[in-house]
Amino acid sequence: MAKKQTLTRSRSNRMIGGVIGGISEYFGWDSTLVRIIFVAVSIFSAAFPGTLVYILAWIIIPDAPRKTHYYSTESPKDVTPED
């Protein structure tokens, strides 16, 4: 059975809030291309609506869950891509 995929903000592919990275991971698109399209649309729409949409998405879309080590005898430690 396939794992149900949900839209979350990316932890590994983020520039500011992980919104564009999360959208590109969800649809399987290249994040750089999605960022370029988002910036172009924002500029051509006077930049305000794009900024507002990004901030609203940052608030609404949940952050991706952290990966933790469960096999150690110590208490679980948060593991992020930077570790």
C-alpha atoms as a PDB file:
ATOM      1  CA  MET A   1       0.000   0.000   0.000  1.00  0.00           C
ATOM      2  CA  ALA A   2       1.364   3.412  -0.930  1.00  0.00           C
ATOM      3  CA  LYS A   3       2.124   5.940   1.764  1.00  0.00           C
ATOM      4  CA  LYS A   4      -0.316   8.852   1.780  1.00  0.00           C
ATOM      5  CA  GLN A   5       1.559  11.988   0.799  1.00  0.00           C
ATOM      6  CA  THR A   6       0.635  15.251   2.490  1.00  0.00           C
ATOM      7  CA  LEU A   7       1.624  18.799   1.678  1.00  0.00           C
ATOM      8  CA  THR A   8       4.152  20.022   4.245  1.00  0.00           C
ATOM      9  CA  ARG A   9       6.844  22.678   4.353  1.00  0.00           C
ATOM     10  CA  SER A  10      10.235  21.209   3.531  1.00  0.00           C
ATOM     11  CA  ARG A  11      12.947  20.922   6.184  1.00  0.00           C
ATOM     12  CA  SER A  12      15.746  20.072   3.763  1.00  0.00           C
ATOM     13  CA  ASN A  13      14.882  22.297   0.799  1.00  0.00           C
ATOM     14  CA  ARG A  14      14.096  25.696   2.266  1.00  0.00           C
ATOM     15  CA  MET A  15      15.249  29.226   1.593  1.00  0.00           C
ATOM     16  CA  ILE A  16      12.944  31.130   3.929  1.00  0.00           C
ATOM     17  CA  GLY A  17      10.031  29.068   5.224  1.00  0.00           C
ATOM     18  CA  GLY A  18      10.150  25.895   3.126  1.00  0.00           C
ATOM     19  CA  VAL A  19       6.854  26.612   1.351  1.00  0.00           C
ATOM     20  CA  ILE A  20       8.154  26.430  -2.230  1.00  0.00           C
ATOM     21  CA  GLY A  21      10.413  23.482  -1.351  1.00  0.00           C
ATOM     22  CA  GLY A  22       7.459  21.628   0.136  1.00  0.00           C
ATOM     23  CA  ILE A  23       5.261  22.301  -2.889  1.00  0.00           C
ATOM     24  CA  SER A  24       7.986  21.136  -5.273  1.00  0.00           C
ATOM     25  CA  GLU A  25       8.581  17.950  -3.211  1.00  0.00           C
ATOM     26  CA  TYR A  26       4.839  17.233  -3.126  1.00  0.00           C
ATOM     27  CA  PHE A  27       4.450  17.453  -6.906  1.00  0.00           C
ATOM     28  CA  GLY A  28       7.925  16.099  -7.742  1.00  0.00           C
ATOM     29  CA  TRP A  29       9.033  19.273  -9.506  1.00  0.00           C
ATOM     30  CA  ASP A  30      12.399  21.025  -9.537  1.00  0.00           C
ATOM     31  CA  SER A  31      12.409  23.531  -6.670  1.00  0.00           C
ATOM     32  CA  THR A  32      14.579  26.055  -8.514  1.00  0.00           C
ATOM     33  CA  LEU A  33      12.132  26.205 -11.406  1.00  0.00           C
ATOM     34  CA  VAL A  34       9.174  26.602  -9.016  1.00  0.00           C
ATOM     35  CA  ARG A  35      10.991  29.442  -7.209  1.00  0.00           C
ATOM     36  CA  ILE A  36      11.725  31.224 -10.491  1.00  0.00           C
ATOM     37  CA  ILE A  37       8.094  30.919 -11.586  1.00  0.00           C
ATOM     38  CA  PHE A  38       6.878  32.171  -8.191  1.00  0.00           C
ATOM     39  CA  VAL A  39       9.172  35.206  -8.299  1.00  0.00           C
ATOM     40  CA  ALA A  40       8.184  36.010 -11.899  1.00  0.00           C
ATOM     41  CA  VAL A  41       4.466  35.790 -11.080  1.00  0.00           C
ATOM     42  CA  SER A  42       5.000  37.903  -7.954  1.00  0.00           C
ATOM     43  CA  ILE A  43       6.856  40.611  -9.884  1.00  0.00           C
ATOM     44  CA  PHE A  44       4.279  40.757 -12.664  1.00  0.00           C
ATOM     45  CA  SER A  45       1.450  40.997 -10.132  1.00  0.00           C
ATOM     46  CA  ALA A  46       3.015  43.983  -8.341  1.00  0.00           C
ATOM     47  CA  ALA A  47       4.803  41.737  -5.749  1.00  0.00           C
ATOM     48  CA  PHE A  48       2.251  42.297  -2.980  1.00  0.00           C
ATOM     49  CA  PRO A  49      -0.115  39.365  -3.710  1.00  0.00           C
ATOM     50  CA  GLY A  50       2.786  36.919  -4.078  1.00  0.00           C
ATOM     51  CA  THR A  51       4.277  37.990  -0.763  1.00  0.00           C
ATOM     52  CA  LEU A  52       0.903  37.762   0.947  1.00  0.00           C
ATOM     53  CA  VAL A  53       0.223  34.303  -0.507  1.00  0.00           C
ATOM     54  CA  TYR A  54       3.663  33.073   0.640  1.00  0.00           C
ATOM     55  CA  ILE A  55       3.136  34.365   4.187  1.00  0.00           C
ATOM     56  CA  LEU A  56      -0.334  32.797   4.369  1.00  0.00           C
ATOM     57  CA  ALA A  57       1.018  29.479   3.060  1.00  0.00           C
ATOM     58  CA  TRP A  58       3.836  29.673   5.622  1.00  0.00           C
ATOM     59  CA  ILE A  59       1.228  29.980   8.378  1.00  0.00           C
ATOM     60  CA  ILE A  60      -1.238  27.391   7.008  1.00  0.00           C
ATOM     61  CA  ILE A  61       1.006  24.584   5.692  1.00  0.00           C
ATOM     62  CA  PRO A  62       2.441  22.472   8.539  1.00  0.00           C
ATOM     63  CA  ASP A  63       6.166  21.833   8.873  1.00  0.00           C
ATOM     64  CA  ALA A  64       7.441  18.397   7.866  1.00  0.00           C
ATOM     65  CA  PRO A  65       7.950  16.059  10.821  1.00  0.00           C
ATOM     66  CA  ARG A  66      11.442  15.695  12.202  1.00  0.00           C
ATOM     67  CA  LYS A  67      13.252  12.406  11.846  1.00  0.00           C
ATOM     68  CA  THR A  68      14.439  10.948  15.135  1.00  0.00           C
ATOM     69  CA  HIS A  69      16.704   8.091  16.169  1.00  0.00           C
ATOM     70  CA  TYR A  70      14.668   5.370  17.840  1.00  0.00           C
ATOM     71  CA  TYR A  71      17.312   2.666  17.923  1.00  0.00           C
ATOM     72  CA  SER A  72      19.601   4.228  20.519  1.00  0.00           C
ATOM     73  CA  THR A  73      19.355   3.626  24.249  1.00  0.00           C
ATOM     74  CA  GLU A  74      19.469   7.357  24.876  1.00  0.00           C
ATOM     75  CA  SER A  75      16.478   9.654  24.681  1.00  0.00           C
ATOM     76  CA  PRO A  76      15.312  10.400  21.105  1.00  0.00           C
ATOM     77  CA  LYS A  77      17.362  13.108  19.416  1.00  0.00           C
ATOM     78  CA  ASP A  78      16.044  15.302  16.642  1.00  0.00           C
ATOM     79  CA  VAL A  79      17.873  14.726  13.391  1.00  0.00           C
ATOM     80  CA  THR A  80      17.795  17.326  10.658  1.00  0.00           C
ATOM     81  CA  PRO A  81      19.678  17.335   7.363  1.00  0.00           C
ATOM     82  CA  GLU A  82      22.235  19.704   8.869  1.00  0.00           C
ATOM     83  CA  ASP A  83      23.270  17.099  11.502  1.00  0.00           C
END
